[in-house]
Amino acid sequence: MYAKAGTVVCPGNVGKPQKGDTRASYAVINTETDKVDLRKVEYDIEQTANEIIRRGLSEASATKLQRSNLNTPKELKTTPQS
């Protein structure tokens, strides 16, 4: 993917799984070549959910994150994408 002037890139998010994929999504933009690389990385969902609760944030958000991990197909959990 290549960026042009005025391009907005929204690669995804962390903590709000889309299409059953719980990995964190981000983009790397090379301003010299205007190339955009979309990437996904795994992260420890249980640890993240526990940290949400520990910091006094929404327990419902932590629970939703934990449940999304239970519903993620195994192939999405183990297939690296970069």
PDB file of N, CA and C in Angstrom:
ATOM      1  N   MET A   1       0.850  -1.156   0.000  1.00  0.00           N
ATOM      2  CA  MET A   1       0.000   0.000   0.000  1.00  0.00           C
ATOM      3  C   MET A   1       0.901   1.226   0.000  1.00  0.00           C
ATOM      4  N   TYR A   2       0.520   2.220  -0.736  1.00  0.00           N
ATOM      5  CA  TYR A   2       1.286   3.456  -0.805  1.00  0.00           C
ATOM      6  C   TYR A   2       0.432   4.639  -0.388  1.00  0.00           C
ATOM      7  N   ALA A   3       1.044   5.577   0.309  1.00  0.00           N
ATOM      8  CA  ALA A   3       0.337   6.765   0.784  1.00  0.00           C
ATOM      9  C   ALA A   3       0.488   7.888  -0.219  1.00  0.00           C
ATOM     10  N   LYS A   4      -0.515   8.686  -0.341  1.00  0.00           N
ATOM     11  CA  LYS A   4      -0.491   9.898  -1.167  1.00  0.00           C
ATOM     12  C   LYS A   4      -0.765  11.075  -0.246  1.00  0.00           C
ATOM     13  N   ALA A   5      -0.497  12.270  -0.708  1.00  0.00           N
ATOM     14  CA  ALA A   5      -0.757  13.463   0.095  1.00  0.00           C
ATOM     15  C   ALA A   5      -2.206  13.455   0.563  1.00  0.00           C
ATOM     16  N   GLY A   6      -2.404  13.675   1.843  1.00  0.00           N
ATOM     17  CA  GLY A   6      -3.754  13.711   2.387  1.00  0.00           C
ATOM     18  C   GLY A   6      -4.322  12.356   2.754  1.00  0.00           C
ATOM     19  N   THR A   7      -3.531  11.295   2.658  1.00  0.00           N
ATOM     20  CA  THR A   7      -3.999   9.954   3.000  1.00  0.00           C
ATOM     21  C   THR A   7      -4.159   9.818   4.508  1.00  0.00           C
ATOM     22  N   VAL A   8      -5.257   9.222   4.924  1.00  0.00           N
ATOM     23  CA  VAL A   8      -5.485   8.923   6.332  1.00  0.00           C
ATOM     24  C   VAL A   8      -5.462   7.408   6.470  1.00  0.00           C
ATOM     25  N   VAL A   9      -4.665   6.904   7.408  1.00  0.00           N
ATOM     26  CA  VAL A   9      -4.551   5.464   7.614  1.00  0.00           C
ATOM     27  C   VAL A   9      -5.105   5.130   8.994  1.00  0.00           C
ATOM     28  N   CYS A  10      -6.075   4.233   9.031  1.00  0.00           N
ATOM     29  CA  CYS A  10      -6.636   3.746  10.293  1.00  0.00           C
ATOM     30  C   CYS A  10      -6.571   2.222  10.247  1.00  0.00           C
ATOM     31  N   PRO A  11      -5.472   1.642  10.723  1.00  0.00           N
ATOM     32  CA  PRO A  11      -5.255   0.208  10.562  1.00  0.00           C
ATOM     33  C   PRO A  11      -6.072  -0.680  11.475  1.00  0.00           C
ATOM     34  N   GLY A  12      -6.663  -0.133  12.496  1.00  0.00           N
ATOM     35  CA  GLY A  12      -7.411  -0.977  13.419  1.00  0.00           C
ATOM     36  C   GLY A  12      -7.318  -0.424  14.811  1.00  0.00           C
ATOM     37  N   ASN A  13      -7.219  -1.324  15.777  1.00  0.00           N
ATOM     38  CA  ASN A  13      -7.228  -0.891  17.159  1.00  0.00           C
ATOM     39  C   ASN A  13      -6.630  -1.962  18.048  1.00  0.00           C
ATOM     40  N   VAL A  14      -6.626  -1.657  19.316  1.00  0.00           N
ATOM     41  CA  VAL A  14      -6.192  -2.621  20.327  1.00  0.00           C
ATOM     42  C   VAL A  14      -7.327  -2.741  21.328  1.00  0.00           C
ATOM     43  N   GLY A  15      -7.736  -3.963  21.604  1.00  0.00           N
ATOM     44  CA  GLY A  15      -8.717  -4.181  22.649  1.00  0.00           C
ATOM     45  C   GLY A  15     -10.165  -4.223  22.203  1.00  0.00           C
ATOM     46  N   LYS A  16     -10.414  -3.980  20.947  1.00  0.00           N
ATOM     47  CA  LYS A  16     -11.780  -4.086  20.430  1.00  0.00           C
ATOM     48  C   LYS A  16     -11.702  -4.938  19.160  1.00  0.00           C
ATOM     49  N   PRO A  17     -11.666  -6.250  19.344  1.00  0.00           N
ATOM     50  CA  PRO A  17     -11.445  -7.159  18.224  1.00  0.00           C
ATOM     51  C   PRO A  17     -12.466  -6.998  17.089  1.00  0.00           C
ATOM     52  N   GLN A  18     -11.959  -7.077  15.895  1.00  0.00           N
ATOM     53  CA  GLN A  18     -12.791  -7.031  14.702  1.00  0.00           C
ATOM     54  C   GLN A  18     -12.687  -8.381  13.993  1.00  0.00           C
ATOM     55  N   LYS A  19     -13.791  -8.914  13.591  1.00  0.00           N
ATOM     56  CA  LYS A  19     -13.837 -10.173  12.838  1.00  0.00           C
ATOM     57  C   LYS A  19     -13.153 -11.314  13.586  1.00  0.00           C
ATOM     58  N   GLY A  20     -13.211 -11.264  14.926  1.00  0.00           N
ATOM     59  CA  GLY A  20     -12.651 -12.351  15.716  1.00  0.00           C
ATOM     60  C   GLY A  20     -11.144 -12.344  15.861  1.00  0.00           C
ATOM     61  N   ASP A  21     -10.473 -11.318  15.361  1.00  0.00           N
ATOM     62  CA  ASP A  21      -9.014 -11.245  15.441  1.00  0.00           C
ATOM     63  C   ASP A  21      -8.631 -10.338  16.603  1.00  0.00           C
ATOM     64  N   THR A  22      -8.043 -10.903  17.662  1.00  0.00           N
ATOM     65  CA  THR A  22      -7.740 -10.143  18.871  1.00  0.00           C
ATOM     66  C   THR A  22      -6.374  -9.460  18.842  1.00  0.00           C
ATOM     67  N   ARG A  23      -5.620  -9.650  17.775  1.00  0.00           N
ATOM     68  CA  ARG A  23      -4.294  -9.024  17.731  1.00  0.00           C
ATOM     69  C   ARG A  23      -4.403  -7.504  17.625  1.00  0.00           C
ATOM     70  N   ALA A  24      -3.395  -6.810  18.129  1.00  0.00           N
ATOM     71  CA  ALA A  24      -3.329  -5.358  17.996  1.00  0.00           C
ATOM     72  C   ALA A  24      -2.933  -5.018  16.562  1.00  0.00           C
ATOM     73  N   SER A  25      -3.565  -4.005  15.999  1.00  0.00           N
ATOM     74  CA  SER A  25      -3.281  -3.576  14.631  1.00  0.00           C
ATOM     75  C   SER A  25      -2.633  -2.208  14.644  1.00  0.00           C
ATOM     76  N   TYR A  26      -1.640  -2.037  13.766  1.00  0.00           N
ATOM     77  CA  TYR A  26      -1.011  -0.725  13.638  1.00  0.00           C
ATOM     78  C   TYR A  26      -0.426  -0.588  12.239  1.00  0.00           C
ATOM     79  N   ALA A  27      -0.002   0.617  11.917  1.00  0.00           N
ATOM     80  CA  ALA A  27       0.587   0.876  10.605  1.00  0.00           C
ATOM     81  C   ALA A  27       1.952   1.521  10.782  1.00  0.00           C
ATOM     82  N   VAL A  28       2.859   1.205   9.855  1.00  0.00           N
ATOM     83  CA  VAL A  28       4.157   1.862   9.785  1.00  0.00           C
ATOM     84  C   VAL A  28       4.178   2.590   8.442  1.00  0.00           C
ATOM     85  N   ILE A  29       4.404   3.898   8.512  1.00  0.00           N
ATOM     86  CA  ILE A  29       4.420   4.704   7.291  1.00  0.00           C
ATOM     87  C   ILE A  29       5.842   5.180   7.048  1.00  0.00           C
ATOM     88  N   ASN A  30       6.381   4.822   5.890  1.00  0.00           N
ATOM     89  CA  ASN A  30       7.702   5.276   5.484  1.00  0.00           C
ATOM     90  C   ASN A  30       7.506   6.542   4.656  1.00  0.00           C
ATOM     91  N   THR A  31       7.875   7.674   5.212  1.00  0.00           N
ATOM     92  CA  THR A  31       7.642   8.946   4.532  1.00  0.00           C
ATOM     93  C   THR A  31       8.579   9.178   3.352  1.00  0.00           C
ATOM     94  N   GLU A  32       9.671   8.411   3.282  1.00  0.00           N
ATOM     95  CA  GLU A  32      10.587   8.555   2.149  1.00  0.00           C
ATOM     96  C   GLU A  32      10.044   7.853   0.907  1.00  0.00           C
ATOM     97  N   THR A  33       9.374   6.716   1.121  1.00  0.00           N
ATOM     98  CA  THR A  33       8.857   5.947  -0.019  1.00  0.00           C
ATOM     99  C   THR A  33       7.339   6.027  -0.134  1.00  0.00           C
ATOM    100  N   ASP A  34       6.699   6.644   0.855  1.00  0.00           N
ATOM    101  CA  ASP A  34       5.239   6.718   0.940  1.00  0.00           C
ATOM    102  C   ASP A  34       4.586   5.341   1.055  1.00  0.00           C
ATOM    103  N   LYS A  35       5.348   4.345   1.491  1.00  0.00           N
ATOM    104  CA  LYS A  35       4.814   3.003   1.659  1.00  0.00           C
ATOM    105  C   LYS A  35       4.183   2.862   3.043  1.00  0.00           C
ATOM    106  N   VAL A  36       3.020   2.205   3.083  1.00  0.00           N
ATOM    107  CA  VAL A  36       2.314   1.944   4.329  1.00  0.00           C
ATOM    108  C   VAL A  36       2.274   0.434   4.547  1.00  0.00           C
ATOM    109  N   ASP A  37       2.800  -0.012   5.674  1.00  0.00           N
ATOM    110  CA  ASP A  37       2.749  -1.432   6.036  1.00  0.00           C
ATOM    111  C   ASP A  37       1.756  -1.598   7.179  1.00  0.00           C
ATOM    112  N   LEU A  38       0.743  -2.430   6.959  1.00  0.00           N
ATOM    113  CA  LEU A  38      -0.223  -2.749   8.005  1.00  0.00           C
ATOM    114  C   LEU A  38       0.267  -3.978   8.742  1.00  0.00           C
ATOM    115  N   ARG A  39       0.272  -3.915  10.060  1.00  0.00           N
ATOM    116  CA  ARG A  39       0.812  -5.011  10.859  1.00  0.00           C
ATOM    117  C   ARG A  39      -0.131  -5.385  11.986  1.00  0.00           C
ATOM    118  N   LYS A  40       0.008  -6.635  12.453  1.00  0.00           N
ATOM    119  CA  LYS A  40      -0.756  -7.130  13.591  1.00  0.00           C
ATOM    120  C   LYS A  40       0.205  -7.890  14.502  1.00  0.00           C
ATOM    121  N   VAL A  41       0.013  -7.712  15.798  1.00  0.00           N
ATOM    122  CA  VAL A  41       0.840  -8.416  16.778  1.00  0.00           C
ATOM    123  C   VAL A  41      -0.039  -8.961  17.893  1.00  0.00           C
ATOM    124  N   GLU A  42       0.365 -10.090  18.410  1.00  0.00           N
ATOM    125  CA  GLU A  42      -0.349 -10.671  19.542  1.00  0.00           C
ATOM    126  C   GLU A  42       0.073  -9.965  20.824  1.00  0.00           C
ATOM    127  N   TYR A  43      -0.801  -9.966  21.798  1.00  0.00           N
ATOM    128  CA  TYR A  43      -0.476  -9.434  23.114  1.00  0.00           C
ATOM    129  C   TYR A  43      -1.225 -10.261  24.146  1.00  0.00           C
ATOM    130  N   ASP A  44      -0.792 -10.169  25.389  1.00  0.00           N
ATOM    131  CA  ASP A  44      -1.363 -10.968  26.468  1.00  0.00           C
ATOM    132  C   ASP A  44      -2.704 -10.364  26.894  1.00  0.00           C
ATOM    133  N   ILE A  45      -3.780 -10.940  26.407  1.00  0.00           N
ATOM    134  CA  ILE A  45      -5.116 -10.411  26.669  1.00  0.00           C
ATOM    135  C   ILE A  45      -5.485 -10.534  28.139  1.00  0.00           C
ATOM    136  N   GLU A  46      -5.172 -11.643  28.762  1.00  0.00           N
ATOM    137  CA  GLU A  46      -5.516 -11.835  30.177  1.00  0.00           C
ATOM    138  C   GLU A  46      -4.796 -10.811  31.048  1.00  0.00           C
ATOM    139  N   GLN A  47      -3.523 -10.596  30.776  1.00  0.00           N
ATOM    140  CA  GLN A  47      -2.759  -9.602  31.530  1.00  0.00           C
ATOM    141  C   GLN A  47      -3.345  -8.198  31.310  1.00  0.00           C
ATOM    142  N   THR A  48      -3.729  -7.902  30.090  1.00  0.00           N
ATOM    143  CA  THR A  48      -4.314  -6.601  29.776  1.00  0.00           C
ATOM    144  C   THR A  48      -5.643  -6.421  30.508  1.00  0.00           C
ATOM    145  N   ALA A  49      -6.480  -7.449  30.503  1.00  0.00           N
ATOM    146  CA  ALA A  49      -7.762  -7.382  31.206  1.00  0.00           C
ATOM    147  C   ALA A  49      -7.543  -7.178  32.706  1.00  0.00           C
ATOM    148  N   ASN A  50      -6.590  -7.883  33.278  1.00  0.00           N
ATOM    149  CA  ASN A  50      -6.289  -7.721  34.701  1.00  0.00           C
ATOM    150  C   ASN A  50      -5.789  -6.305  35.005  1.00  0.00           C
ATOM    151  N   GLU A  51      -5.006  -5.750  34.107  1.00  0.00           N
ATOM    152  CA  GLU A  51      -4.487  -4.395  34.301  1.00  0.00           C
ATOM    153  C   GLU A  51      -5.611  -3.356  34.199  1.00  0.00           C
ATOM    154  N   ILE A  52      -6.567  -3.589  33.320  1.00  0.00           N
ATOM    155  CA  ILE A  52      -7.726  -2.695  33.207  1.00  0.00           C
ATOM    156  C   ILE A  52      -8.448  -2.631  34.555  1.00  0.00           C
ATOM    157  N   ILE A  53      -8.667  -3.785  35.148  1.00  0.00           N
ATOM    158  CA  ILE A  53      -9.365  -3.853  36.440  1.00  0.00           C
ATOM    159  C   ILE A  53      -8.505  -3.249  37.555  1.00  0.00           C
ATOM    160  N   ARG A  54      -7.214  -3.584  37.568  1.00  0.00           N
ATOM    161  CA  ARG A  54      -6.302  -3.086  38.603  1.00  0.00           C
ATOM    162  C   ARG A  54      -6.260  -1.557  38.631  1.00  0.00           C
ATOM    163  N   ARG A  55      -6.343  -0.953  37.468  1.00  0.00           N
ATOM    164  CA  ARG A  55      -6.273   0.519  37.387  1.00  0.00           C
ATOM    165  C   ARG A  55      -7.625   1.191  37.600  1.00  0.00           C
ATOM    166  N   GLY A  56      -8.626   0.386  37.932  1.00  0.00           N
ATOM    167  CA  GLY A  56      -9.929   0.955  38.247  1.00  0.00           C
ATOM    168  C   GLY A  56     -10.737   1.366  37.026  1.00  0.00           C
ATOM    169  N   LEU A  57     -10.386   0.823  35.866  1.00  0.00           N
ATOM    170  CA  LEU A  57     -11.136   1.130  34.651  1.00  0.00           C
ATOM    171  C   LEU A  57     -12.333   0.191  34.548  1.00  0.00           C
ATOM    172  N   SER A  58     -13.055   0.277  33.490  1.00  0.00           N
ATOM    173  CA  SER A  58     -14.295  -0.467  33.315  1.00  0.00           C
ATOM    174  C   SER A  58     -14.088  -1.984  33.349  1.00  0.00           C
ATOM    175  N   GLU A  59     -14.697  -2.609  34.359  1.00  0.00           N
ATOM    176  CA  GLU A  59     -14.635  -4.064  34.443  1.00  0.00           C
ATOM    177  C   GLU A  59     -15.354  -4.695  33.260  1.00  0.00           C
ATOM    178  N   ALA A  60     -16.382  -4.025  32.754  1.00  0.00           N
ATOM    179  CA  ALA A  60     -17.104  -4.525  31.574  1.00  0.00           C
ATOM    180  C   ALA A  60     -16.173  -4.597  30.359  1.00  0.00           C
ATOM    181  N   SER A  61     -15.274  -3.628  30.231  1.00  0.00           N
ATOM    182  CA  SER A  61     -14.314  -3.643  29.119  1.00  0.00           C
ATOM    183  C   SER A  61     -13.357  -4.824  29.248  1.00  0.00           C
ATOM    184  N   ALA A  62     -12.915  -5.086  30.467  1.00  0.00           N
ATOM    185  CA  ALA A  62     -12.009  -6.217  30.710  1.00  0.00           C
ATOM    186  C   ALA A  62     -12.714  -7.531  30.382  1.00  0.00           C
ATOM    187  N   THR A  63     -13.958  -7.645  30.803  1.00  0.00           N
ATOM    188  CA  THR A  63     -14.732  -8.862  30.541  1.00  0.00           C
ATOM    189  C   THR A  63     -14.959  -9.058  29.047  1.00  0.00           C
ATOM    190  N   LYS A  64     -15.283  -7.979  28.343  1.00  0.00           N
ATOM    191  CA  LYS A  64     -15.489  -8.070  26.893  1.00  0.00           C
ATOM    192  C   LYS A  64     -14.212  -8.531  26.197  1.00  0.00           C
ATOM    193  N   LEU A  65     -13.086  -8.012  26.628  1.00  0.00           N
ATOM    194  CA  LEU A  65     -11.805  -8.403  26.050  1.00  0.00           C
ATOM    195  C   LEU A  65     -11.539  -9.887  26.301  1.00  0.00           C
ATOM    196  N   GLN A  66     -11.790 -10.346  27.522  1.00  0.00           N
ATOM    197  CA  GLN A  66     -11.582 -11.757  27.849  1.00  0.00           C
ATOM    198  C   GLN A  66     -12.504 -12.653  27.027  1.00  0.00           C
ATOM    199  N   ARG A  67     -13.751 -12.260  26.880  1.00  0.00           N
ATOM    200  CA  ARG A  67     -14.706 -13.058  26.101  1.00  0.00           C
ATOM    201  C   ARG A  67     -14.327 -13.105  24.629  1.00  0.00           C
ATOM    202  N   SER A  68     -13.838 -11.999  24.101  1.00  0.00           N
ATOM    203  CA  SER A  68     -13.456 -11.968  22.685  1.00  0.00           C
ATOM    204  C   SER A  68     -12.330 -12.952  22.420  1.00  0.00           C
ATOM    205  N   ASN A  69     -11.444 -13.117  23.392  1.00  0.00           N
ATOM    206  CA  ASN A  69     -10.349 -14.062  23.234  1.00  0.00           C
ATOM    207  C   ASN A  69     -10.857 -15.494  23.183  1.00  0.00           C
ATOM    208  N   LEU A  70     -11.911 -15.786  23.929  1.00  0.00           N
ATOM    209  CA  LEU A  70     -12.486 -17.133  23.918  1.00  0.00           C
ATOM    210  C   LEU A  70     -13.130 -17.458  22.582  1.00  0.00           C
ATOM    211  N   ASN A  71     -13.608 -16.428  21.884  1.00  0.00           N
ATOM    212  CA  ASN A  71     -14.315 -16.631  20.619  1.00  0.00           C
ATOM    213  C   ASN A  71     -13.429 -16.502  19.388  1.00  0.00           C
ATOM    214  N   THR A  72     -12.132 -16.283  19.583  1.00  0.00           N
ATOM    215  CA  THR A  72     -11.225 -16.110  18.455  1.00  0.00           C
ATOM    216  C   THR A  72     -10.797 -17.461  17.903  1.00  0.00           C
ATOM    217  N   PRO A  73     -10.973 -17.679  16.595  1.00  0.00           N
ATOM    218  CA  PRO A  73     -10.517 -18.935  16.005  1.00  0.00           C
ATOM    219  C   PRO A  73      -9.018 -19.122  16.208  1.00  0.00           C
ATOM    220  N   LYS A  74      -8.594 -20.351  16.452  1.00  0.00           N
ATOM    221  CA  LYS A  74      -7.189 -20.650  16.741  1.00  0.00           C
ATOM    222  C   LYS A  74      -6.256 -20.153  15.645  1.00  0.00           C
ATOM    223  N   GLU A  75      -6.666 -20.271  14.380  1.00  0.00           N
ATOM    224  CA  GLU A  75      -5.782 -19.850  13.289  1.00  0.00           C
ATOM    225  C   GLU A  75      -5.509 -18.347  13.322  1.00  0.00           C
ATOM    226  N   LEU A  76      -6.445 -17.553  13.829  1.00  0.00           N
ATOM    227  CA  LEU A  76      -6.200 -16.113  13.941  1.00  0.00           C
ATOM    228  C   LEU A  76      -5.273 -15.800  15.106  1.00  0.00           C
ATOM    229  N   LYS A  77      -5.283 -16.643  16.131  1.00  0.00           N
ATOM    230  CA  LYS A  77      -4.427 -16.413  17.284  1.00  0.00           C
ATOM    231  C   LYS A  77      -2.968 -16.740  16.984  1.00  0.00           C
ATOM    232  N   THR A  78      -2.740 -17.660  16.053  1.00  0.00           N
ATOM    233  CA  THR A  78      -1.397 -18.160  15.847  1.00  0.00           C
ATOM    234  C   THR A  78      -0.763 -17.734  14.529  1.00  0.00           C
ATOM    235  N   THR A  79      -1.502 -17.081  13.649  1.00  0.00           N
ATOM    236  CA  THR A  79      -0.954 -16.698  12.352  1.00  0.00           C
ATOM    237  C   THR A  79      -0.373 -15.290  12.431  1.00  0.00           C
ATOM    238  N   PRO A  80       0.972 -15.171  12.379  1.00  0.00           N
ATOM    239  CA  PRO A  80       1.552 -13.835  12.425  1.00  0.00           C
ATOM    240  C   PRO A  80       1.263 -13.089  11.145  1.00  0.00           C
ATOM    241  N   GLN A  81       1.107 -11.788  11.247  1.00  0.00           N
ATOM    242  CA  GLN A  81       0.855 -10.971  10.068  1.00  0.00           C
ATOM    243  C   GLN A  81       1.664  -9.702  10.218  1.00  0.00           C
ATOM    244  N   SER A  82       2.471  -9.388   9.222  1.00  0.00           N
ATOM    245  CA  SER A  82       3.256  -8.162   9.295  1.00  0.00           C
ATOM    246  C   SER A  82       3.420  -7.558   7.931  1.00  0.00           C
TER     247      SER A  82
END
